Amino acid sequence: MTKNSQSRATENYRSRLAQRGLTRFEVVGRDHDRGLIRTIARKLAEDDVEAARLRTTVASFMAEEASGKGGILRALMSSPLSGSEIELRRSQENGRMVDL
């Protein structure tokens, strides 16, 4: 079965990308983020010192976001009220009597 010209062109384009160490992929996101995502992808494709720094920054940011354990404690400890002398204990009353 012969391939049409469009299929050959796509195959050749992807082959040239692979020779440069690049891969084409699709992402789903908000329309207003399109330019940002393309800019980041273009910068990462350069694979220079700035790309390595960007990669490290984004990876560390995502690792902080993904670490679910201790997130509430971290947020409370960074609160402006952290270290203040606020009493946070609840009274241990049995409640009121109710006729059922």
PDB file of N, CA and C in Angstrom:
ATOM      1  N   MET A   1       0.840  -1.175   0.000  1.00  0.00           N
ATOM      2  CA  MET A   1       0.000   0.000   0.000  1.00  0.00           C
ATOM      3  C   MET A   1       0.888   1.242   0.000  1.00  0.00           C
ATOM      4  N   THR A   2       0.649   2.148  -0.893  1.00  0.00           N
ATOM      5  CA  THR A   2       1.462   3.355  -0.991  1.00  0.00           C
ATOM      6  C   THR A   2       0.949   4.410  -0.022  1.00  0.00           C
ATOM      7  N   LYS A   3       1.880   5.192   0.482  1.00  0.00           N
ATOM      8  CA  LYS A   3       1.519   6.264   1.410  1.00  0.00           C
ATOM      9  C   LYS A   3       1.283   7.543   0.622  1.00  0.00           C
ATOM     10  N   ASN A   4       0.330   8.305   1.057  1.00  0.00           N
ATOM     11  CA  ASN A   4       0.114   9.584   0.380  1.00  0.00           C
ATOM     12  C   ASN A   4       1.173  10.590   0.832  1.00  0.00           C
ATOM     13  N   SER A   5       1.259  11.700   0.136  1.00  0.00           N
ATOM     14  CA  SER A   5       2.327  12.671   0.385  1.00  0.00           C
ATOM     15  C   SER A   5       2.246  13.284   1.784  1.00  0.00           C
ATOM     16  N   GLN A   6       1.053  13.449   2.293  1.00  0.00           N
ATOM     17  CA  GLN A   6       0.901  14.034   3.629  1.00  0.00           C
ATOM     18  C   GLN A   6       1.454  13.090   4.694  1.00  0.00           C
ATOM     19  N   SER A   7       1.180  11.796   4.568  1.00  0.00           N
ATOM     20  CA  SER A   7       1.700  10.815   5.528  1.00  0.00           C
ATOM     21  C   SER A   7       3.218  10.762   5.471  1.00  0.00           C
ATOM     22  N   ARG A   8       3.786  10.801   4.264  1.00  0.00           N
ATOM     23  CA  ARG A   8       5.249  10.783   4.127  1.00  0.00           C
ATOM     24  C   ARG A   8       5.861  12.041   4.736  1.00  0.00           C
ATOM     25  N   ALA A   9       5.228  13.177   4.505  1.00  0.00           N
ATOM     26  CA  ALA A   9       5.744  14.434   5.052  1.00  0.00           C
ATOM     27  C   ALA A   9       5.738  14.406   6.572  1.00  0.00           C
ATOM     28  N   THR A  10       4.665  13.909   7.157  1.00  0.00           N
ATOM     29  CA  THR A  10       4.575  13.806   8.616  1.00  0.00           C
ATOM     30  C   THR A  10       5.640  12.858   9.148  1.00  0.00           C
ATOM     31  N   GLU A  11       5.802  11.728   8.493  1.00  0.00           N
ATOM     32  CA  GLU A  11       6.804  10.741   8.912  1.00  0.00           C
ATOM     33  C   GLU A  11       8.214  11.320   8.805  1.00  0.00           C
ATOM     34  N   ASN A  12       8.500  12.029   7.722  1.00  0.00           N
ATOM     35  CA  ASN A  12       9.820  12.645   7.545  1.00  0.00           C
ATOM     36  C   ASN A  12      10.074  13.724   8.598  1.00  0.00           C
ATOM     37  N   TYR A  13       9.056  14.523   8.881  1.00  0.00           N
ATOM     38  CA  TYR A  13       9.189  15.575   9.891  1.00  0.00           C
ATOM     39  C   TYR A  13       9.495  14.973  11.255  1.00  0.00           C
ATOM     40  N   ARG A  14       8.760  13.947  11.631  1.00  0.00           N
ATOM     41  CA  ARG A  14       8.990  13.309  12.935  1.00  0.00           C
ATOM     42  C   ARG A  14      10.348  12.622  12.981  1.00  0.00           C
ATOM     43  N   SER A  15      10.802  12.109  11.859  1.00  0.00           N
ATOM     44  CA  SER A  15      12.125  11.494  11.793  1.00  0.00           C
ATOM     45  C   SER A  15      13.212  12.552  12.005  1.00  0.00           C
ATOM     46  N   ARG A  16      13.048  13.722  11.378  1.00  0.00           N
ATOM     47  CA  ARG A  16      14.020  14.807  11.572  1.00  0.00           C
ATOM     48  C   ARG A  16      14.025  15.290  13.022  1.00  0.00           C
ATOM     49  N   LEU A  17      12.852  15.355  13.638  1.00  0.00           N
ATOM     50  CA  LEU A  17      12.789  15.727  15.055  1.00  0.00           C
ATOM     51  C   LEU A  17      13.551  14.721  15.910  1.00  0.00           C
ATOM     52  N   ALA A  18      13.343  13.444  15.646  1.00  0.00           N
ATOM     53  CA  ALA A  18      14.006  12.387  16.420  1.00  0.00           C
ATOM     54  C   ALA A  18      15.521  12.471  16.265  1.00  0.00           C
ATOM     55  N   GLN A  19      15.990  12.825  15.083  1.00  0.00           N
ATOM     56  CA  GLN A  19      17.438  12.971  14.873  1.00  0.00           C
ATOM     57  C   GLN A  19      18.008  14.095  15.730  1.00  0.00           C
ATOM     58  N   ARG A  20      17.195  15.112  15.998  1.00  0.00           N
ATOM     59  CA  ARG A  20      17.625  16.226  16.852  1.00  0.00           C
ATOM     60  C   ARG A  20      17.368  15.947  18.328  1.00  0.00           C
ATOM     61  N   GLY A  21      16.825  14.767  18.639  1.00  0.00           N
ATOM     62  CA  GLY A  21      16.553  14.406  20.027  1.00  0.00           C
ATOM     63  C   GLY A  21      15.240  14.952  20.553  1.00  0.00           C
ATOM     64  N   LEU A  22      14.343  15.331  19.657  1.00  0.00           N
ATOM     65  CA  LEU A  22      13.066  15.915  20.053  1.00  0.00           C
ATOM     66  C   LEU A  22      11.923  14.972  19.721  1.00  0.00           C
ATOM     67  N   THR A  23      10.831  15.144  20.431  1.00  0.00           N
ATOM     68  CA  THR A  23       9.622  14.362  20.204  1.00  0.00           C
ATOM     69  C   THR A  23       8.439  15.312  20.183  1.00  0.00           C
ATOM     70  N   ARG A  24       7.513  15.045  19.304  1.00  0.00           N
ATOM     71  CA  ARG A  24       6.300  15.852  19.228  1.00  0.00           C
ATOM     72  C   ARG A  24       5.250  15.215  20.119  1.00  0.00           C
ATOM     73  N   PHE A  25       4.583  16.023  20.931  1.00  0.00           N
ATOM     74  CA  PHE A  25       3.492  15.500  21.747  1.00  0.00           C
ATOM     75  C   PHE A  25       2.451  16.582  21.934  1.00  0.00           C
ATOM     76  N   GLU A  26       1.296  16.149  22.372  1.00  0.00           N
ATOM     77  CA  GLU A  26       0.150  17.031  22.514  1.00  0.00           C
ATOM     78  C   GLU A  26      -0.198  17.174  23.986  1.00  0.00           C
ATOM     79  N   VAL A  27      -0.597  18.366  24.382  1.00  0.00           N
ATOM     80  CA  VAL A  27      -1.060  18.587  25.749  1.00  0.00           C
ATOM     81  C   VAL A  27      -2.413  19.276  25.698  1.00  0.00           C
ATOM     82  N   VAL A  28      -3.160  19.140  26.757  1.00  0.00           N
ATOM     83  CA  VAL A  28      -4.460  19.790  26.868  1.00  0.00           C
ATOM     84  C   VAL A  28      -4.350  20.843  27.962  1.00  0.00           C
ATOM     85  N   GLY A  29      -4.755  22.058  27.650  1.00  0.00           N
ATOM     86  CA  GLY A  29      -4.661  23.130  28.633  1.00  0.00           C
ATOM     87  C   GLY A  29      -5.601  24.264  28.284  1.00  0.00           C
ATOM     88  N   ARG A  30      -5.518  25.307  29.053  1.00  0.00           N
ATOM     89  CA  ARG A  30      -6.341  26.495  28.841  1.00  0.00           C
ATOM     90  C   ARG A  30      -5.808  27.285  27.643  1.00  0.00           C
ATOM     91  N   ASP A  31      -6.708  27.896  26.915  1.00  0.00           N
ATOM     92  CA  ASP A  31      -6.329  28.638  25.719  1.00  0.00           C
ATOM     93  C   ASP A  31      -5.379  29.786  26.051  1.00  0.00           C
ATOM     94  N   HIS A  32      -5.603  30.457  27.184  1.00  0.00           N
ATOM     95  CA  HIS A  32      -4.752  31.596  27.525  1.00  0.00           C
ATOM     96  C   HIS A  32      -3.348  31.170  27.968  1.00  0.00           C
ATOM     97  N   ASP A  33      -3.118  29.869  28.201  1.00  0.00           N
ATOM     98  CA  ASP A  33      -1.791  29.368  28.573  1.00  0.00           C
ATOM     99  C   ASP A  33      -0.992  28.885  27.369  1.00  0.00           C
ATOM    100  N   ARG A  34      -1.587  28.918  26.189  1.00  0.00           N
ATOM    101  CA  ARG A  34      -0.944  28.376  24.991  1.00  0.00           C
ATOM    102  C   ARG A  34       0.438  28.992  24.756  1.00  0.00           C
ATOM    103  N   GLY A  35       0.529  30.305  24.793  1.00  0.00           N
ATOM    104  CA  GLY A  35       1.802  30.976  24.547  1.00  0.00           C
ATOM    105  C   GLY A  35       2.849  30.621  25.590  1.00  0.00           C
ATOM    106  N   LEU A  36       2.428  30.569  26.841  1.00  0.00           N
ATOM    107  CA  LEU A  36       3.347  30.221  27.924  1.00  0.00           C
ATOM    108  C   LEU A  36       3.892  28.809  27.746  1.00  0.00           C
ATOM    109  N   ILE A  37       3.016  27.871  27.444  1.00  0.00           N
ATOM    110  CA  ILE A  37       3.444  26.479  27.282  1.00  0.00           C
ATOM    111  C   ILE A  37       4.388  26.347  26.093  1.00  0.00           C
ATOM    112  N   ARG A  38       4.078  27.029  25.000  1.00  0.00           N
ATOM    113  CA  ARG A  38       4.960  26.973  23.826  1.00  0.00           C
ATOM    114  C   ARG A  38       6.319  27.590  24.125  1.00  0.00           C
ATOM    115  N   THR A  39       6.330  28.699  24.859  1.00  0.00           N
ATOM    116  CA  THR A  39       7.592  29.344  25.213  1.00  0.00           C
ATOM    117  C   THR A  39       8.438  28.439  26.097  1.00  0.00           C
ATOM    118  N   ILE A  40       7.807  27.817  27.079  1.00  0.00           N
ATOM    119  CA  ILE A  40       8.530  26.898  27.964  1.00  0.00           C
ATOM    120  C   ILE A  40       9.065  25.714  27.172  1.00  0.00           C
ATOM    121  N   ALA A  41       8.237  25.143  26.295  1.00  0.00           N
ATOM    122  CA  ALA A  41       8.675  24.000  25.486  1.00  0.00           C
ATOM    123  C   ALA A  41       9.842  24.390  24.584  1.00  0.00           C
ATOM    124  N   ARG A  42       9.774  25.571  23.983  1.00  0.00           N
ATOM    125  CA  ARG A  42      10.852  26.036  23.109  1.00  0.00           C
ATOM    126  C   ARG A  42      12.150  26.199  23.897  1.00  0.00           C
ATOM    127  N   LYS A  43      12.040  26.769  25.100  1.00  0.00           N
ATOM    128  CA  LYS A  43      13.232  26.973  25.933  1.00  0.00           C
ATOM    129  C   LYS A  43      13.825  25.637  26.371  1.00  0.00           C
ATOM    130  N   LEU A  44      12.969  24.681  26.757  1.00  0.00           N
ATOM    131  CA  LEU A  44      13.460  23.366  27.169  1.00  0.00           C
ATOM    132  C   LEU A  44      14.105  22.624  26.005  1.00  0.00           C
ATOM    133  N   ALA A  45      13.624  22.841  24.791  1.00  0.00           N
ATOM    134  CA  ALA A  45      14.178  22.165  23.613  1.00  0.00           C
ATOM    135  C   ALA A  45      15.588  22.640  23.298  1.00  0.00           C
ATOM    136  N   GLU A  46      15.953  23.840  23.740  1.00  0.00           N
ATOM    137  CA  GLU A  46      17.302  24.346  23.492  1.00  0.00           C
ATOM    138  C   GLU A  46      18.346  23.538  24.252  1.00  0.00           C
ATOM    139  N   ASP A  47      17.965  22.959  25.365  1.00  0.00           N
ATOM    140  CA  ASP A  47      18.819  22.070  26.163  1.00  0.00           C
ATOM    141  C   ASP A  47      20.160  22.706  26.535  1.00  0.00           C
ATOM    142  N   ASP A  48      20.109  23.964  26.968  1.00  0.00           N
ATOM    143  CA  ASP A  48      21.309  24.649  27.418  1.00  0.00           C
ATOM    144  C   ASP A  48      21.241  24.859  28.934  1.00  0.00           C
ATOM    145  N   VAL A  49      22.091  25.720  29.454  1.00  0.00           N
ATOM    146  CA  VAL A  49      22.145  25.959  30.897  1.00  0.00           C
ATOM    147  C   VAL A  49      20.828  26.550  31.404  1.00  0.00           C
ATOM    148  N   GLU A  50      20.263  27.488  30.640  1.00  0.00           N
ATOM    149  CA  GLU A  50      18.990  28.086  31.051  1.00  0.00           C
ATOM    150  C   GLU A  50      17.867  27.052  31.053  1.00  0.00           C
ATOM    151  N   ALA A  51      17.887  26.147  30.079  1.00  0.00           N
ATOM    152  CA  ALA A  51      16.867  25.090  30.027  1.00  0.00           C
ATOM    153  C   ALA A  51      17.003  24.170  31.232  1.00  0.00           C
ATOM    154  N   ALA A  52      18.229  23.855  31.619  1.00  0.00           N
ATOM    155  CA  ALA A  52      18.447  22.999  32.789  1.00  0.00           C
ATOM    156  C   ALA A  52      17.948  23.684  34.057  1.00  0.00           C
ATOM    157  N   ARG A  53      18.192  24.996  34.154  1.00  0.00           N
ATOM    158  CA  ARG A  53      17.723  25.745  35.323  1.00  0.00           C
ATOM    159  C   ARG A  53      16.194  25.792  35.356  1.00  0.00           C
ATOM    160  N   LEU A  54      15.576  26.028  34.203  1.00  0.00           N
ATOM    161  CA  LEU A  54      14.115  26.043  34.119  1.00  0.00           C
ATOM    162  C   LEU A  54      13.545  24.681  34.478  1.00  0.00           C
ATOM    163  N   ARG A  55      14.159  23.628  33.970  1.00  0.00           N
ATOM    164  CA  ARG A  55      13.714  22.260  34.251  1.00  0.00           C
ATOM    165  C   ARG A  55      13.787  21.975  35.752  1.00  0.00           C
ATOM    166  N   THR A  56      14.879  22.386  36.396  1.00  0.00           N
ATOM    167  CA  THR A  56      15.047  22.173  37.832  1.00  0.00           C
ATOM    168  C   THR A  56      14.015  22.965  38.630  1.00  0.00           C
ATOM    169  N   THR A  57      13.796  24.211  38.235  1.00  0.00           N
ATOM    170  CA  THR A  57      12.831  25.064  38.936  1.00  0.00           C
ATOM    171  C   THR A  57      11.425  24.499  38.847  1.00  0.00           C
ATOM    172  N   VAL A  58      11.014  24.125  37.639  1.00  0.00           N
ATOM    173  CA  VAL A  58       9.664  23.584  37.455  1.00  0.00           C
ATOM    174  C   VAL A  58       9.519  22.256  38.190  1.00  0.00           C
ATOM    175  N   ALA A  59      10.540  21.397  38.110  1.00  0.00           N
ATOM    176  CA  ALA A  59      10.473  20.098  38.783  1.00  0.00           C
ATOM    177  C   ALA A  59      10.369  20.265  40.295  1.00  0.00           C
ATOM    178  N   SER A  60      11.130  21.198  40.870  1.00  0.00           N
ATOM    179  CA  SER A  60      11.060  21.388  42.325  1.00  0.00           C
ATOM    180  C   SER A  60       9.716  21.992  42.723  1.00  0.00           C
ATOM    181  N   PHE A  61       9.185  22.895  41.908  1.00  0.00           N
ATOM    182  CA  PHE A  61       7.868  23.467  42.190  1.00  0.00           C
ATOM    183  C   PHE A  61       6.800  22.384  42.153  1.00  0.00           C
ATOM    184  N   MET A  62       6.849  21.521  41.158  1.00  0.00           N
ATOM    185  CA  MET A  62       5.861  20.452  41.033  1.00  0.00           C
ATOM    186  C   MET A  62       6.015  19.436  42.160  1.00  0.00           C
ATOM    187  N   ALA A  63       7.235  19.190  42.615  1.00  0.00           N
ATOM    188  CA  ALA A  63       7.449  18.259  43.725  1.00  0.00           C
ATOM    189  C   ALA A  63       6.832  18.811  45.002  1.00  0.00           C
ATOM    190  N   GLU A  64       6.953  20.126  45.216  1.00  0.00           N
ATOM    191  CA  GLU A  64       6.340  20.743  46.393  1.00  0.00           C
ATOM    192  C   GLU A  64       4.825  20.644  46.316  1.00  0.00           C
ATOM    193  N   GLU A  65       4.265  20.854  45.129  1.00  0.00           N
ATOM    194  CA  GLU A  65       2.821  20.764  44.938  1.00  0.00           C
ATOM    195  C   GLU A  65       2.329  19.339  45.151  1.00  0.00           C
ATOM    196  N   ALA A  66       3.105  18.358  44.694  1.00  0.00           N
ATOM    197  CA  ALA A  66       2.664  16.965  44.725  1.00  0.00           C
ATOM    198  C   ALA A  66       2.802  16.332  46.104  1.00  0.00           C
ATOM    199  N   SER A  67       3.680  16.871  46.938  1.00  0.00           N
ATOM    200  CA  SER A  67       3.877  16.248  48.244  1.00  0.00           C
ATOM    201  C   SER A  67       2.678  16.552  49.123  1.00  0.00           C
ATOM    202  N   GLY A  68       1.740  15.631  49.175  1.00  0.00           N
ATOM    203  CA  GLY A  68       0.507  15.836  49.917  1.00  0.00           C
ATOM    204  C   GLY A  68       0.689  15.711  51.411  1.00  0.00           C
ATOM    205  N   LYS A  69       1.632  14.889  51.843  1.00  0.00           N
ATOM    206  CA  LYS A  69       1.812  14.646  53.262  1.00  0.00           C
ATOM    207  C   LYS A  69       2.463  15.854  53.932  1.00  0.00           C
ATOM    208  N   GLY A  70       1.829  16.353  54.971  1.00  0.00           N
ATOM    209  CA  GLY A  70       2.383  17.474  55.726  1.00  0.00           C
ATOM    210  C   GLY A  70       2.065  18.833  55.143  1.00  0.00           C
ATOM    211  N   GLY A  71       1.245  18.871  54.108  1.00  0.00           N
ATOM    212  CA  GLY A  71       0.927  20.138  53.464  1.00  0.00           C
ATOM    213  C   GLY A  71       0.182  21.090  54.374  1.00  0.00           C
ATOM    214  N   ILE A  72      -0.756  20.567  55.136  1.00  0.00           N
ATOM    215  CA  ILE A  72      -1.524  21.418  56.053  1.00  0.00           C
ATOM    216  C   ILE A  72      -0.611  21.952  57.150  1.00  0.00           C
ATOM    217  N   LEU A  73       0.231  21.092  57.687  1.00  0.00           N
ATOM    218  CA  LEU A  73       1.161  21.522  58.732  1.00  0.00           C
ATOM    219  C   LEU A  73       2.104  22.596  58.194  1.00  0.00           C
ATOM    220  N   ARG A  74       2.617  22.408  56.976  1.00  0.00           N
ATOM    221  CA  ARG A  74       3.501  23.401  56.371  1.00  0.00           C
ATOM    222  C   ARG A  74       2.783  24.745  56.218  1.00  0.00           C
ATOM    223  N   ALA A  75       1.533  24.699  55.792  1.00  0.00           N
ATOM    224  CA  ALA A  75       0.761  25.936  55.628  1.00  0.00           C
ATOM    225  C   ALA A  75       0.535  26.616  56.970  1.00  0.00           C
ATOM    226  N   LEU A  76       0.216  25.839  57.995  1.00  0.00           N
ATOM    227  CA  LEU A  76       0.001  26.419  59.321  1.00  0.00           C
ATOM    228  C   LEU A  76       1.286  27.008  59.888  1.00  0.00           C
ATOM    229  N   MET A  77       2.399  26.331  59.666  1.00  0.00           N
ATOM    230  CA  MET A  77       3.669  26.815  60.199  1.00  0.00           C
ATOM    231  C   MET A  77       4.123  28.093  59.487  1.00  0.00           C
ATOM    232  N   SER A  78       3.699  28.293  58.248  1.00  0.00           N
ATOM    233  CA  SER A  78       4.080  29.512  57.538  1.00  0.00           C
ATOM    234  C   SER A  78       3.092  30.646  57.797  1.00  0.00           C
ATOM    235  N   SER A  79       2.073  30.378  58.590  1.00  0.00           N
ATOM    236  CA  SER A  79       1.063  31.380  58.915  1.00  0.00           C
ATOM    237  C   SER A  79       1.669  32.500  59.751  1.00  0.00           C
ATOM    238  N   PRO A  80       1.155  33.724  59.607  1.00  0.00           N
ATOM    239  CA  PRO A  80       1.649  34.829  60.440  1.00  0.00           C
ATOM    240  C   PRO A  80       1.389  34.602  61.927  1.00  0.00           C
ATOM    241  N   LEU A  81       0.407  33.775  62.260  1.00  0.00           N
ATOM    242  CA  LEU A  81       0.093  33.514  63.665  1.00  0.00           C
ATOM    243  C   LEU A  81       0.942  32.385  64.254  1.00  0.00           C
ATOM    244  N   SER A  82       1.796  31.780  63.449  1.00  0.00           N
ATOM    245  CA  SER A  82       2.646  30.702  63.941  1.00  0.00           C
ATOM    246  C   SER A  82       3.568  31.237  65.033  1.00  0.00           C
ATOM    247  N   GLY A  83       3.597  30.543  66.146  1.00  0.00           N
ATOM    248  CA  GLY A  83       4.435  30.959  67.266  1.00  0.00           C
ATOM    249  C   GLY A  83       3.749  31.917  68.221  1.00  0.00           C
ATOM    250  N   SER A  84       2.546  32.356  67.906  1.00  0.00           N
ATOM    251  CA  SER A  84       1.835  33.244  68.827  1.00  0.00           C
ATOM    252  C   SER A  84       1.243  32.403  69.957  1.00  0.00           C
ATOM    253  N   GLU A  85       0.819  33.052  70.994  1.00  0.00           N
ATOM    254  CA  GLU A  85       0.330  32.363  72.185  1.00  0.00           C
ATOM    255  C   GLU A  85      -1.186  32.200  72.164  1.00  0.00           C
ATOM    256  N   ILE A  86      -1.739  31.747  71.079  1.00  0.00           N
ATOM    257  CA  ILE A  86      -3.185  31.548  70.977  1.00  0.00           C
ATOM    258  C   ILE A  86      -3.537  30.186  71.559  1.00  0.00           C
ATOM    259  N   GLU A  87      -4.578  30.149  72.391  1.00  0.00           N
ATOM    260  CA  GLU A  87      -5.049  28.895  72.989  1.00  0.00           C
ATOM    261  C   GLU A  87      -6.014  28.226  72.011  1.00  0.00           C
ATOM    262  N   LEU A  88      -5.676  27.042  71.563  1.00  0.00           N
ATOM    263  CA  LEU A  88      -6.488  26.350  70.567  1.00  0.00           C
ATOM    264  C   LEU A  88      -7.195  25.116  71.121  1.00  0.00           C
ATOM    265  N   ARG A  89      -7.274  24.980  72.429  1.00  0.00           N
ATOM    266  CA  ARG A  89      -7.935  23.808  73.013  1.00  0.00           C
ATOM    267  C   ARG A  89      -9.431  24.047  73.107  1.00  0.00           C
ATOM    268  N   ARG A  90     -10.197  22.987  72.874  1.00  0.00           N
ATOM    269  CA  ARG A  90     -11.651  23.066  72.992  1.00  0.00           C
ATOM    270  C   ARG A  90     -12.068  22.581  74.373  1.00  0.00           C
ATOM    271  N   SER A  91     -13.161  23.132  74.865  1.00  0.00           N
ATOM    272  CA  SER A  91     -13.653  22.682  76.167  1.00  0.00           C
ATOM    273  C   SER A  91     -14.215  21.272  76.023  1.00  0.00           C
ATOM    274  N   GLN A  92     -14.078  20.465  77.051  1.00  0.00           N
ATOM    275  CA  GLN A  92     -14.513  19.071  77.030  1.00  0.00           C
ATOM    276  C   GLN A  92     -15.828  18.910  77.780  1.00  0.00           C
ATOM    277  N   GLU A  93     -16.874  19.577  77.355  1.00  0.00           N
ATOM    278  CA  GLU A  93     -18.185  19.483  77.990  1.00  0.00           C
ATOM    279  C   GLU A  93     -18.969  18.354  77.347  1.00  0.00           C
ATOM    280  N   ASN A  94     -19.880  17.774  78.127  1.00  0.00           N
ATOM    281  CA  ASN A  94     -20.709  16.690  77.608  1.00  0.00           C
ATOM    282  C   ASN A  94     -21.856  17.188  76.749  1.00  0.00           C
ATOM    283  N   GLY A  95     -22.148  18.450  76.791  1.00  0.00           N
ATOM    284  CA  GLY A  95     -23.237  18.987  75.994  1.00  0.00           C
ATOM    285  C   GLY A  95     -24.465  19.225  76.842  1.00  0.00           C
ATOM    286  N   ARG A  96     -25.603  19.388  76.236  1.00  0.00           N
ATOM    287  CA  ARG A  96     -26.836  19.676  76.964  1.00  0.00           C
ATOM    288  C   ARG A  96     -27.759  18.474  76.914  1.00  0.00           C
ATOM    289  N   MET A  97     -28.657  18.428  77.835  1.00  0.00           N
ATOM    290  CA  MET A  97     -29.637  17.339  77.892  1.00  0.00           C
ATOM    291  C   MET A  97     -30.770  17.642  76.915  1.00  0.00           C
ATOM    292  N   VAL A  98     -31.182  16.649  76.161  1.00  0.00           N
ATOM    293  CA  VAL A  98     -32.247  16.811  75.178  1.00  0.00           C
ATOM    294  C   VAL A  98     -33.267  15.714  75.398  1.00  0.00           C
ATOM    295  N   ASP A  99     -34.553  16.088  75.436  1.00  0.00           N
ATOM    296  CA  ASP A  99     -35.626  15.093  75.541  1.00  0.00           C
ATOM    297  C   ASP A  99     -35.958  14.594  74.146  1.00  0.00           C
ATOM    298  N   LEU A 100     -35.901  13.289  73.976  1.00  0.00           N
ATOM    299  CA  LEU A 100     -36.240  12.722  72.673  1.00  0.00           C
ATOM    300  C   LEU A 100     -37.584  12.104  72.705  1.00  0.00           C
TER     301      LEU A 100
END
